[in-house]
PDB file of N, CA and C in Angstrom:
ATOM      1  N   MET A   1      57.299   0.300 248.901  1.00  0.00           N
ATOM      2  CA  MET A   1      58.310   0.652 249.885  1.00  0.00           C
ATOM      3  C   MET A   1      57.620   1.015 251.195  1.00  0.00           C
ATOM      4  N   LYS A   2      58.194   0.568 252.298  1.00  0.00           N
ATOM      5  CA  LYS A   2      57.602   0.895 253.589  1.00  0.00           C
ATOM      6  C   LYS A   2      57.929   2.335 253.976  1.00  0.00           C
ATOM      7  N   LEU A   3      57.078   2.890 254.787  1.00  0.00           N
ATOM      8  CA  LEU A   3      57.261   4.261 255.245  1.00  0.00           C
ATOM      9  C   LEU A   3      58.374   4.313 256.267  1.00  0.00           C
ATOM     10  N   GLY A   4      59.353   5.179 256.047  1.00  0.00           N
ATOM     11  CA  GLY A   4      60.446   5.407 256.983  1.00  0.00           C
ATOM     12  C   GLY A   4      60.495   6.891 257.278  1.00  0.00           C
ATOM     13  N   PHE A   5      61.629   7.349 257.738  1.00  0.00           N
ATOM     14  CA  PHE A   5      61.786   8.771 258.025  1.00  0.00           C
ATOM     15  C   PHE A   5      62.936   9.324 257.213  1.00  0.00           C
ATOM     16  N   LEU A   6      62.786  10.562 256.827  1.00  0.00           N
ATOM     17  CA  LEU A   6      63.750  11.217 255.958  1.00  0.00           C
ATOM     18  C   LEU A   6      64.151  12.548 256.562  1.00  0.00           C
ATOM     19  N   MET A   7      65.460  12.719 256.758  1.00  0.00           N
ATOM     20  CA  MET A   7      65.986  14.025 257.127  1.00  0.00           C
ATOM     21  C   MET A   7      66.215  14.779 255.829  1.00  0.00           C
ATOM     22  N   ILE A   8      65.629  15.945 255.732  1.00  0.00           N
ATOM     23  CA  ILE A   8      65.772  16.794 254.551  1.00  0.00           C
ATOM     24  C   ILE A   8      66.552  18.022 254.976  1.00  0.00           C
ATOM     25  N   ILE A   9      67.666  18.260 254.298  1.00  0.00           N
ATOM     26  CA  ILE A   9      68.509  19.409 254.601  1.00  0.00           C
ATOM     27  C   ILE A   9      68.586  20.264 253.345  1.00  0.00           C
ATOM     28  N   LEU A  10      68.054  21.453 253.419  1.00  0.00           N
ATOM     29  CA  LEU A  10      68.120  22.394 252.310  1.00  0.00           C
ATOM     30  C   LEU A  10      69.028  23.546 252.729  1.00  0.00           C
ATOM     31  N   THR A  11      70.100  23.740 251.985  1.00  0.00           N
ATOM     32  CA  THR A  11      71.014  24.841 252.270  1.00  0.00           C
ATOM     33  C   THR A  11      71.013  25.809 251.101  1.00  0.00           C
ATOM     34  N   LEU A  12      71.240  27.062 251.424  1.00  0.00           N
ATOM     35  CA  LEU A  12      71.290  28.114 250.423  1.00  0.00           C
ATOM     36  C   LEU A  12      72.725  28.239 249.930  1.00  0.00           C
ATOM     37  N   VAL A  13      72.924  28.031 248.632  1.00  0.00           N
ATOM     38  CA  VAL A  13      74.264  28.110 248.054  1.00  0.00           C
ATOM     39  C   VAL A  13      74.341  29.300 247.104  1.00  0.00           C
ATOM     40  N   GLU A  14      75.423  29.379 246.366  1.00  0.00           N
ATOM     41  CA  GLU A  14      75.640  30.516 245.469  1.00  0.00           C
ATOM     42  C   GLU A  14      74.458  30.752 244.535  1.00  0.00           C
ATOM     43  N   ASN A  15      74.277  31.989 244.168  1.00  0.00           N
ATOM     44  CA  ASN A  15      73.212  32.427 243.252  1.00  0.00           C
ATOM     45  C   ASN A  15      71.799  32.181 243.782  1.00  0.00           C
ATOM     46  N   GLY A  16      71.656  32.023 245.093  1.00  0.00           N
ATOM     47  CA  GLY A  16      70.331  31.837 245.675  1.00  0.00           C
ATOM     48  C   GLY A  16      69.718  30.469 245.427  1.00  0.00           C
ATOM     49  N   GLN A  17      70.494  29.539 244.894  1.00  0.00           N
ATOM     50  CA  GLN A  17      70.017  28.187 244.642  1.00  0.00           C
ATOM     51  C   GLN A  17      69.934  27.405 245.945  1.00  0.00           C
ATOM     52  N   LEU A  18      69.066  26.405 245.966  1.00  0.00           N
ATOM     53  CA  LEU A  18      68.983  25.494 247.105  1.00  0.00           C
ATOM     54  C   LEU A  18      69.686  24.188 246.757  1.00  0.00           C
ATOM     55  N   SER A  19      70.439  23.688 247.719  1.00  0.00           N
ATOM     56  CA  SER A  19      71.072  22.382 247.605  1.00  0.00           C
ATOM     57  C   SER A  19      70.411  21.476 248.634  1.00  0.00           C
ATOM     58  N   ALA A  20      70.162  20.234 248.261  1.00  0.00           N
ATOM     59  CA  ALA A  20      69.490  19.301 249.159  1.00  0.00           C
ATOM     60  C   ALA A  20      70.389  18.118 249.489  1.00  0.00           C
ATOM     61  N   ALA A  21      70.275  17.675 250.738  1.00  0.00           N
ATOM     62  CA  ALA A  21      70.888  16.424 251.176  1.00  0.00           C
ATOM     63  C   ALA A  21      69.814  15.656 251.929  1.00  0.00           C
ATOM     64  N   PHE A  22      69.864  14.345 251.826  1.00  0.00           N
ATOM     65  CA  PHE A  22      68.827  13.500 252.402  1.00  0.00           C
ATOM     66  C   PHE A  22      69.470  12.364 253.189  1.00  0.00           C
ATOM     67  N   VAL A  23      68.869  12.044 254.342  1.00  0.00           N
ATOM     68  CA  VAL A  23      69.326  10.918 255.161  1.00  0.00           C
ATOM     69  C   VAL A  23      68.098  10.107 255.560  1.00  0.00           C
ATOM     70  N   ASN A  24      68.075   8.844 255.171  1.00  0.00           N
ATOM     71  CA  ASN A  24      66.977   7.949 255.561  1.00  0.00           C
ATOM     72  C   ASN A  24      67.274   7.337 256.926  1.00  0.00           C
ATOM     73  N   THR A  25      66.246   7.253 257.764  1.00  0.00           N
ATOM     74  CA  THR A  25      66.362   6.605 259.064  1.00  0.00           C
ATOM     75  C   THR A  25      65.130   5.743 259.304  1.00  0.00           C
ATOM     76  N   ALA A  26      65.249   4.817 260.254  1.00  0.00           N
ATOM     77  CA  ALA A  26      64.142   3.912 260.555  1.00  0.00           C
ATOM     78  C   ALA A  26      63.099   4.546 261.461  1.00  0.00           C
ATOM     79  N   THR A  27      63.547   5.456 262.351  1.00  0.00           N
ATOM     80  CA  THR A  27      62.624   6.041 263.325  1.00  0.00           C
ATOM     81  C   THR A  27      62.760   7.561 263.344  1.00  0.00           C
ATOM     82  N   LEU A  28      61.720   8.218 263.831  1.00  0.00           N
ATOM     83  CA  LEU A  28      61.763   9.667 263.981  1.00  0.00           C
ATOM     84  C   LEU A  28      62.825  10.060 264.999  1.00  0.00           C
ATOM     85  N   GLU A  29      62.941   9.294 266.084  1.00  0.00           N
ATOM     86  CA  GLU A  29      63.937   9.596 267.120  1.00  0.00           C
ATOM     87  C   GLU A  29      65.354   9.563 266.544  1.00  0.00           C
ATOM     88  N   GLU A  30      65.667   8.538 265.750  1.00  0.00           N
ATOM     89  CA  GLU A  30      66.983   8.444 265.125  1.00  0.00           C
ATOM     90  C   GLU A  30      67.220   9.633 264.196  1.00  0.00           C
ATOM     91  N   CYS A  31      66.216   9.986 263.428  1.00  0.00           N
ATOM     92  CA  CYS A  31      66.331  11.120 262.511  1.00  0.00           C
ATOM     93  C   CYS A  31      66.636  12.403 263.272  1.00  0.00           C
ATOM     94  N   GLU A  32      65.897  12.651 264.334  1.00  0.00           N
ATOM     95  CA  GLU A  32      66.086  13.880 265.109  1.00  0.00           C
ATOM     96  C   GLU A  32      67.442  13.922 265.806  1.00  0.00           C
ATOM     97  N   GLN A  33      67.925  12.778 266.279  1.00  0.00           N
ATOM     98  CA  GLN A  33      69.252  12.729 266.911  1.00  0.00           C
ATOM     99  C   GLN A  33      70.339  13.045 265.892  1.00  0.00           C
ATOM    100  N   ARG A  34      70.232  12.445 264.721  1.00  0.00           N
ATOM    101  CA  ARG A  34      71.223  12.698 263.671  1.00  0.00           C
ATOM    102  C   ARG A  34      71.137  14.142 263.189  1.00  0.00           C
ATOM    103  N   ALA A  35      69.923  14.679 263.093  1.00  0.00           N
ATOM    104  CA  ALA A  35      69.733  16.067 262.654  1.00  0.00           C
ATOM    105  C   ALA A  35      70.405  17.046 263.610  1.00  0.00           C
ATOM    106  N   ALA A  36      70.342  16.770 264.901  1.00  0.00           N
ATOM    107  CA  ALA A  36      70.975  17.657 265.876  1.00  0.00           C
ATOM    108  C   ALA A  36      72.486  17.724 265.651  1.00  0.00           C
ATOM    109  N   VAL A  37      73.094  16.578 265.363  1.00  0.00           N
ATOM    110  CA  VAL A  37      74.528  16.538 265.094  1.00  0.00           C
ATOM    111  C   VAL A  37      74.853  17.280 263.793  1.00  0.00           C
ATOM    112  N   VAL A  38      74.093  16.996 262.754  1.00  0.00           N
ATOM    113  CA  VAL A  38      74.326  17.631 261.447  1.00  0.00           C
ATOM    114  C   VAL A  38      74.132  19.145 261.538  1.00  0.00           C
ATOM    115  N   ARG A  39      73.104  19.575 262.244  1.00  0.00           N
ATOM    116  CA  ARG A  39      72.847  21.021 262.397  1.00  0.00           C
ATOM    117  C   ARG A  39      74.057  21.705 263.030  1.00  0.00           C
ATOM    118  N   GLY A  40      74.623  21.090 264.064  1.00  0.00           N
ATOM    119  CA  GLY A  40      75.798  21.659 264.729  1.00  0.00           C
ATOM    120  C   GLY A  40      76.968  21.834 263.779  1.00  0.00           C
ATOM    121  N   ILE A  41      77.144  20.886 262.884  1.00  0.00           N
ATOM    122  CA  ILE A  41      78.228  20.965 261.901  1.00  0.00           C
ATOM    123  C   ILE A  41      77.924  22.035 260.853  1.00  0.00           C
ATOM    124  N   LEU A  42      76.714  22.013 260.305  1.00  0.00           N
ATOM    125  CA  LEU A  42      76.364  22.943 259.221  1.00  0.00           C
ATOM    126  C   LEU A  42      76.318  24.396 259.681  1.00  0.00           C
ATOM    127  N   GLU A  43      75.933  24.632 260.917  1.00  0.00           N
ATOM    128  CA  GLU A  43      75.855  26.013 261.393  1.00  0.00           C
ATOM    129  C   GLU A  43      77.225  26.668 261.481  1.00  0.00           C
ATOM    130  N   LYS A  44      78.285  25.876 261.469  1.00  0.00           N
ATOM    131  CA  LYS A  44      79.653  26.405 261.466  1.00  0.00           C
ATOM    132  C   LYS A  44      80.175  26.596 260.045  1.00  0.00           C
ATOM    133  N   GLY A  45      79.430  26.147 259.058  1.00  0.00           N
ATOM    134  CA  GLY A  45      79.869  26.174 257.666  1.00  0.00           C
ATOM    135  C   GLY A  45      79.515  27.471 256.962  1.00  0.00           C
ATOM    136  N   GLU A  46      79.814  27.484 255.672  1.00  0.00           N
ATOM    137  CA  GLU A  46      79.620  28.698 254.882  1.00  0.00           C
ATOM    138  C   GLU A  46      78.238  28.828 254.257  1.00  0.00           C
ATOM    139  N   TYR A  47      77.465  27.753 254.215  1.00  0.00           N
ATOM    140  CA  TYR A  47      76.156  27.800 253.577  1.00  0.00           C
ATOM    141  C   TYR A  47      75.038  27.760 254.621  1.00  0.00           C
ATOM    142  N   PRO A  48      74.183  28.770 254.634  1.00  0.00           N
ATOM    143  CA  PRO A  48      73.108  28.806 255.630  1.00  0.00           C
ATOM    144  C   PRO A  48      72.040  27.738 255.392  1.00  0.00           C
ATOM    145  N   ILE A  49      71.512  27.212 256.476  1.00  0.00           N
ATOM    146  CA  ILE A  49      70.434  26.226 256.410  1.00  0.00           C
ATOM    147  C   ILE A  49      69.135  26.965 256.130  1.00  0.00           C
ATOM    148  N   GLU A  50      68.474  26.583 255.059  1.00  0.00           N
ATOM    149  CA  GLU A  50      67.171  27.157 254.706  1.00  0.00           C
ATOM    150  C   GLU A  50      66.051  26.387 255.417  1.00  0.00           C
ATOM    151  N   GLN A  51      66.118  25.066 255.358  1.00  0.00           N
ATOM    152  CA  GLN A  51      65.152  24.183 256.018  1.00  0.00           C
ATOM    153  C   GLN A  51      65.895  22.912 256.435  1.00  0.00           C
ATOM    154  N   MET A  52      65.519  22.372 257.592  1.00  0.00           N
ATOM    155  CA  MET A  52      66.062  21.090 258.027  1.00  0.00           C
ATOM    156  C   MET A  52      64.988  20.418 258.857  1.00  0.00           C
ATOM    157  N   VAL A  53      64.431  19.332 258.321  1.00  0.00           N
ATOM    158  CA  VAL A  53      63.302  18.672 258.976  1.00  0.00           C
ATOM    159  C   VAL A  53      63.452  17.158 258.898  1.00  0.00           C
ATOM    160  N   CYS A  54      62.760  16.484 259.790  1.00  0.00           N
ATOM    161  CA  CYS A  54      62.603  15.028 259.755  1.00  0.00           C
ATOM    162  C   CYS A  54      61.122  14.757 259.547  1.00  0.00           C
ATOM    163  N   ARG A  55      60.809  13.984 258.511  1.00  0.00           N
ATOM    164  CA  ARG A  55      59.412  13.692 258.191  1.00  0.00           C
ATOM    165  C   ARG A  55      59.282  12.244 257.724  1.00  0.00           C
ATOM    166  N   ALA A  56      58.111  11.687 257.902  1.00  0.00           N
ATOM    167  CA  ALA A  56      57.806  10.362 257.363  1.00  0.00           C
ATOM    168  C   ALA A  56      57.806  10.480 255.835  1.00  0.00           C
ATOM    169  N   ALA A  57      58.398   9.493 255.180  1.00  0.00           N
ATOM    170  CA  ALA A  57      58.476   9.527 253.715  1.00  0.00           C
ATOM    171  C   ALA A  57      58.663   8.123 253.173  1.00  0.00           C
ATOM    172  N   GLU A  58      58.236   7.919 251.939  1.00  0.00           N
ATOM    173  CA  GLU A  58      58.383   6.625 251.280  1.00  0.00           C
ATOM    174  C   GLU A  58      59.594   6.572 250.362  1.00  0.00           C
ATOM    175  N   VAL A  59      60.256   7.675 250.150  1.00  0.00           N
ATOM    176  CA  VAL A  59      61.382   7.731 249.222  1.00  0.00           C
ATOM    177  C   VAL A  59      62.680   7.373 249.954  1.00  0.00           C
ATOM    178  N   GLU A  60      63.560   6.663 249.215  1.00  0.00           N
ATOM    179  CA  GLU A  60      64.852   6.288 249.789  1.00  0.00           C
ATOM    180  C   GLU A  60      65.962   6.801 248.881  1.00  0.00           C
ATOM    181  N   PHE A  61      67.001   7.367 249.492  1.00  0.00           N
ATOM    182  CA  PHE A  61      68.111   7.951 248.747  1.00  0.00           C
ATOM    183  C   PHE A  61      69.397   7.176 248.954  1.00  0.00           C
ATOM    184  N   GLU A  62      70.279   7.285 247.963  1.00  0.00           N
ATOM    185  CA  GLU A  62      71.635   6.780 248.116  1.00  0.00           C
ATOM    186  C   GLU A  62      72.285   7.561 249.255  1.00  0.00           C
ATOM    187  N   PRO A  63      73.254   6.969 249.945  1.00  0.00           N
ATOM    188  CA  PRO A  63      73.950   7.711 251.000  1.00  0.00           C
ATOM    189  C   PRO A  63      74.685   8.926 250.436  1.00  0.00           C
ATOM    190  N   PHE A  64      74.799   9.964 251.253  1.00  0.00           N
ATOM    191  CA  PHE A  64      75.523  11.173 250.872  1.00  0.00           C
ATOM    192  C   PHE A  64      77.016  10.892 250.983  1.00  0.00           C
ATOM    193  N   ALA A  65      77.788  11.280 249.980  1.00  0.00           N
ATOM    194  CA  ALA A  65      79.238  11.076 249.991  1.00  0.00           C
ATOM    195  C   ALA A  65      79.935  12.431 250.039  1.00  0.00           C
ATOM    196  N   HIS A  66      80.551  12.739 251.164  1.00  0.00           N
ATOM    197  CA  HIS A  66      81.265  14.013 251.317  1.00  0.00           C
ATOM    198  C   HIS A  66      82.464  14.074 250.375  1.00  0.00           C
ATOM    199  N   GLY A  67      82.700  15.260 249.822  1.00  0.00           N
ATOM    200  CA  GLY A  67      83.849  15.471 248.967  1.00  0.00           C
ATOM    201  C   GLY A  67      83.659  15.047 247.524  1.00  0.00           C
ATOM    202  N   MET A  68      82.506  14.496 247.185  1.00  0.00           N
ATOM    203  CA  MET A  68      82.272  14.035 245.819  1.00  0.00           C
ATOM    204  C   MET A  68      81.346  14.972 245.048  1.00  0.00           C
ATOM    205  N   GLU A  69      80.931  16.052 245.685  1.00  0.00           N
ATOM    206  CA  GLU A  69      79.942  16.938 245.090  1.00  0.00           C
ATOM    207  C   GLU A  69      80.342  17.454 243.710  1.00  0.00           C
ATOM    208  N   GLN A  70      81.610  17.802 243.530  1.00  0.00           N
ATOM    209  CA  GLN A  70      82.024  18.379 242.251  1.00  0.00           C
ATOM    210  C   GLN A  70      82.072  17.356 241.124  1.00  0.00           C
ATOM    211  N   PHE A  71      82.109  16.068 241.469  1.00  0.00           N
ATOM    212  CA  PHE A  71      82.205  15.022 240.453  1.00  0.00           C
ATOM    213  C   PHE A  71      80.866  14.379 240.124  1.00  0.00           C
ATOM    214  N   ALA A  72      79.921  14.476 241.031  1.00  0.00           N
ATOM    215  CA  ALA A  72      78.640  13.782 240.859  1.00  0.00           C
ATOM    216  C   ALA A  72      77.686  14.570 239.960  1.00  0.00           C
ATOM    217  N   GLU A  73      76.863  13.835 239.242  1.00  0.00           N
ATOM    218  CA  GLU A  73      75.834  14.444 238.411  1.00  0.00           C
ATOM    219  C   GLU A  73      74.745  15.030 239.314  1.00  0.00           C
ATOM    220  N   LYS A  74      74.328  16.238 239.017  1.00  0.00           N
ATOM    221  CA  LYS A  74      73.293  16.889 239.822  1.00  0.00           C
ATOM    222  C   LYS A  74      71.911  16.371 239.448  1.00  0.00           C
ATOM    223  N   GLN A  75      71.137  16.102 240.470  1.00  0.00           N
ATOM    224  CA  GLN A  75      69.737  15.718 240.322  1.00  0.00           C
ATOM    225  C   GLN A  75      68.908  16.921 240.772  1.00  0.00           C
ATOM    226  N   THR A  76      67.722  17.078 240.235  1.00  0.00           N
ATOM    227  CA  THR A  76      66.841  18.178 240.630  1.00  0.00           C
ATOM    228  C   THR A  76      65.568  17.586 241.207  1.00  0.00           C
ATOM    229  N   TYR A  77      65.181  18.099 242.382  1.00  0.00           N
ATOM    230  CA  TYR A  77      64.011  17.570 243.079  1.00  0.00           C
ATOM    231  C   TYR A  77      63.078  18.681 243.519  1.00  0.00           C
ATOM    232  N   LEU A  78      61.809  18.365 243.501  1.00  0.00           N
ATOM    233  CA  LEU A  78      60.785  19.209 244.097  1.00  0.00           C
ATOM    234  C   LEU A  78      60.460  18.571 245.445  1.00  0.00           C
ATOM    235  N   VAL A  79      60.691  19.321 246.507  1.00  0.00           N
ATOM    236  CA  VAL A  79      60.549  18.819 247.873  1.00  0.00           C
ATOM    237  C   VAL A  79      59.397  19.547 248.541  1.00  0.00           C
ATOM    238  N   SER A  80      58.487  18.789 249.132  1.00  0.00           N
ATOM    239  CA  SER A  80      57.403  19.406 249.888  1.00  0.00           C
ATOM    240  C   SER A  80      57.166  18.606 251.155  1.00  0.00           C
ATOM    241  N   PHE A  81      56.731  19.302 252.184  1.00  0.00           N
ATOM    242  CA  PHE A  81      56.459  18.618 253.447  1.00  0.00           C
ATOM    243  C   PHE A  81      55.474  19.432 254.263  1.00  0.00           C
ATOM    244  N   ASP A  82      54.757  18.707 255.128  1.00  0.00           N
ATOM    245  CA  ASP A  82      53.881  19.354 256.091  1.00  0.00           C
ATOM    246  C   ASP A  82      54.421  18.999 257.478  1.00  0.00           C
ATOM    247  N   ASP A  83      53.591  19.023 258.492  1.00  0.00           N
ATOM    248  CA  ASP A  83      54.055  18.738 259.842  1.00  0.00           C
ATOM    249  C   ASP A  83      54.392  17.268 260.075  1.00  0.00           C
ATOM    250  N   ARG A  84      53.961  16.372 259.181  1.00  0.00           N
ATOM    251  CA  ARG A  84      54.164  14.943 259.412  1.00  0.00           C
ATOM    252  C   ARG A  84      54.881  14.217 258.293  1.00  0.00           C
ATOM    253  N   THR A  85      54.584  14.536 257.042  1.00  0.00           N
ATOM    254  CA  THR A  85      55.121  13.765 255.926  1.00  0.00           C
ATOM    255  C   THR A  85      55.837  14.651 254.909  1.00  0.00           C
ATOM    256  N   ALA A  86      56.646  13.994 254.091  1.00  0.00           N
ATOM    257  CA  ALA A  86      57.375  14.683 253.027  1.00  0.00           C
ATOM    258  C   ALA A  86      57.245  13.905 251.735  1.00  0.00           C
ATOM    259  N   THR A  87      57.279  14.630 250.632  1.00  0.00           N
ATOM    260  CA  THR A  87      57.370  14.005 249.319  1.00  0.00           C
ATOM    261  C   THR A  87      58.534  14.654 248.577  1.00  0.00           C
ATOM    262  N   VAL A  88      59.211  13.834 247.814  1.00  0.00           N
ATOM    263  CA  VAL A  88      60.328  14.312 247.001  1.00  0.00           C
ATOM    264  C   VAL A  88      60.147  13.683 245.631  1.00  0.00           C
ATOM    265  N   GLU A  89      60.111  14.527 244.619  1.00  0.00           N
ATOM    266  CA  GLU A  89      59.966  13.999 243.265  1.00  0.00           C
ATOM    267  C   GLU A  89      61.019  14.602 242.350  1.00  0.00           C
ATOM    268  N   ALA A  90      61.558  13.764 241.489  1.00  0.00           N
ATOM    269  CA  ALA A  90      62.539  14.224 240.518  1.00  0.00           C
ATOM    270  C   ALA A  90      61.842  15.080 239.467  1.00  0.00           C
ATOM    271  N   VAL A  91      62.479  16.176 239.081  1.00  0.00           N
ATOM    272  CA  VAL A  91      61.955  17.058 238.039  1.00  0.00           C
ATOM    273  C   VAL A  91      63.084  17.388 237.072  1.00  0.00           C
ATOM    274  N   ALA A  92      62.714  17.827 235.897  1.00  0.00           N
ATOM    275  CA  ALA A  92      63.709  18.135 234.863  1.00  0.00           C
ATOM    276  C   ALA A  92      64.557  19.351 235.235  1.00  0.00           C
ATOM    277  N   SER A  93      63.915  20.370 235.804  1.00  0.00           N
ATOM    278  CA  SER A  93      64.629  21.587 236.182  1.00  0.00           C
ATOM    279  C   SER A  93      63.785  22.377 237.162  1.00  0.00           C
ATOM    280  N   CYS A  94      64.423  23.284 237.863  1.00  0.00           N
ATOM    281  CA  CYS A  94      63.671  24.128 238.802  1.00  0.00           C
ATOM    282  C   CYS A  94      62.766  25.098 238.055  1.00  0.00           C
ATOM    283  N   GLU A  95      63.185  25.526 236.873  1.00  0.00           N
ATOM    284  CA  GLU A  95      62.351  26.429 236.097  1.00  0.00           C
ATOM    285  C   GLU A  95      61.024  25.777 235.725  1.00  0.00           C
ATOM    286  N   ALA A  96      61.070  24.496 235.426  1.00  0.00           N
ATOM    287  CA  ALA A  96      59.866  23.767 235.028  1.00  0.00           C
ATOM    288  C   ALA A  96      59.027  23.318 236.222  1.00  0.00           C
ATOM    289  N   ALA A  97      59.616  23.332 237.425  1.00  0.00           N
ATOM    290  CA  ALA A  97      58.956  22.759 238.604  1.00  0.00           C
ATOM    291  C   ALA A  97      57.904  23.670 239.229  1.00  0.00           C
ATOM    292  N   LYS A  98      58.005  24.958 239.010  1.00  0.00           N
ATOM    293  CA  LYS A  98      57.055  25.905 239.581  1.00  0.00           C
ATOM    294  C   LYS A  98      56.912  25.741 241.093  1.00  0.00           C
ATOM    295  N   ALA A  99      58.051  25.889 241.778  1.00  0.00           N
ATOM    296  CA  ALA A  99      58.036  25.825 243.241  1.00  0.00           C
ATOM    297  C   ALA A  99      57.153  26.948 243.772  1.00  0.00           C
ATOM    298  N   LYS A 100      56.435  26.678 244.844  1.00  0.00           N
ATOM    299  CA  LYS A 100      55.578  27.681 245.468  1.00  0.00           C
ATOM    300  C   LYS A 100      55.625  27.478 246.971  1.00  0.00           C
ATOM    301  N   ALA A 101      54.846  28.190 247.712  1.00  0.00           N
ATOM    302  CA  ALA A 101      54.861  28.104 249.167  1.00  0.00           C
ATOM    303  C   ALA A 101      54.753  26.651 249.620  1.00  0.00           C
ATOM    304  N   GLY A 102      55.672  26.254 250.481  1.00  0.00           N
ATOM    305  CA  GLY A 102      55.661  24.885 250.984  1.00  0.00           C
ATOM    306  C   GLY A 102      56.303  23.868 250.059  1.00  0.00           C
ATOM    307  N   ARG A 103      56.764  24.310 248.899  1.00  0.00           N
ATOM    308  CA  ARG A 103      57.442  23.434 247.938  1.00  0.00           C
ATOM    309  C   ARG A 103      58.761  24.089 247.564  1.00  0.00           C
ATOM    310  N   PHE A 104      59.803  23.308 247.617  1.00  0.00           N
ATOM    311  CA  PHE A 104      61.132  23.832 247.346  1.00  0.00           C
ATOM    312  C   PHE A 104      61.748  23.047 246.203  1.00  0.00           C
ATOM    313  N   CYS A 105      62.436  23.745 245.313  1.00  0.00           N
ATOM    314  CA  CYS A 105      63.164  23.080 244.247  1.00  0.00           C
ATOM    315  C   CYS A 105      64.644  23.183 244.589  1.00  0.00           C
ATOM    316  N   ALA A 106      65.324  22.037 244.562  1.00  0.00           N
ATOM    317  CA  ALA A 106      66.730  22.005 244.955  1.00  0.00           C
ATOM    318  C   ALA A 106      67.474  20.973 244.122  1.00  0.00           C
ATOM    319  N   THR A 107      68.782  21.159 244.040  1.00  0.00           N
ATOM    320  CA  THR A 107      69.621  20.168 243.377  1.00  0.00           C
ATOM    321  C   THR A 107      70.358  19.359 244.435  1.00  0.00           C
ATOM    322  N   SER A 108      70.722  18.144 244.054  1.00  0.00           N
ATOM    323  CA  SER A 108      71.412  17.243 244.971  1.00  0.00           C
ATOM    324  C   SER A 108      72.308  16.311 244.172  1.00  0.00           C
ATOM    325  N   THR A 109      73.349  15.832 244.815  1.00  0.00           N
ATOM    326  CA  THR A 109      74.192  14.815 244.186  1.00  0.00           C
ATOM    327  C   THR A 109      73.666  13.416 244.483  1.00  0.00           C
ATOM    328  N   GLN A 110      72.660  13.311 245.338  1.00  0.00           N
ATOM    329  CA  GLN A 110      72.094  12.016 245.693  1.00  0.00           C
ATOM    330  C   GLN A 110      70.991  11.611 244.716  1.00  0.00           C
ATOM    331  N   LYS A 111      70.919  10.319 244.459  1.00  0.00           N
ATOM    332  CA  LYS A 111      69.864   9.790 243.609  1.00  0.00           C
ATOM    333  C   LYS A 111      68.884   8.999 244.458  1.00  0.00           C
ATOM    334  N   ILE A 112      67.642   8.972 244.007  1.00  0.00           N
ATOM    335  CA  ILE A 112      66.647   8.121 244.628  1.00  0.00           C
ATOM    336  C   ILE A 112      67.040   6.680 244.327  1.00  0.00           C
ATOM    337  N   VAL A 113      67.002   5.810 245.332  1.00  0.00           N
ATOM    338  CA  VAL A 113      67.462   4.433 245.184  1.00  0.00           C
ATOM    339  C   VAL A 113      66.791   3.712 244.027  1.00  0.00           C
ATOM    340  N   ALA A 114      65.497   3.834 243.880  1.00  0.00           N
ATOM    341  CA  ALA A 114      64.783   3.162 242.790  1.00  0.00           C
ATOM    342  C   ALA A 114      65.300   3.589 241.423  1.00  0.00           C
ATOM    343  N   GLU A 115      65.775   4.834 241.321  1.00  0.00           N
ATOM    344  CA  GLU A 115      66.289   5.334 240.048  1.00  0.00           C
ATOM    345  C   GLU A 115      67.715   4.884 239.780  1.00  0.00           C
ATOM    346  N   SER A 116      68.448   4.543 240.833  1.00  0.00           N
ATOM    347  CA  SER A 116      69.860   4.209 240.655  1.00  0.00           C
ATOM    348  C   SER A 116      70.093   2.720 240.440  1.00  0.00           C
ATOM    349  N   GLU A 117      69.073   1.908 240.640  1.00  0.00           N
ATOM    350  CA  GLU A 117      69.241   0.459 240.489  1.00  0.00           C
ATOM    351  C   GLU A 117      69.151   0.038 239.044  1.00  0.00           C
TER     352      GLU A 117
END
């Protein structure tokens, strides 16, 4: 898979859990423009943003579908990023993932494209 850019949105939900949403883009500029719009919407919502970044990444996600969260199967991911790149890997559970500084464990309704095909 070619390297693209990934917007990673981690929000704090009930019980201190992290929820993740992902948006793939072709360029960093596109990612940052979309992030500015999304940030404006989320800051008015009930769940605080824990982290929101655009980073180069090789992983591709299914599109996010609003309003389907309660029906979709939850996926669990270990998310890590530095100043330039991000990695996202599927894990069995957050308890097993051993998240630490710079690594976040979150659930998402989105699946990695390679896993959904």
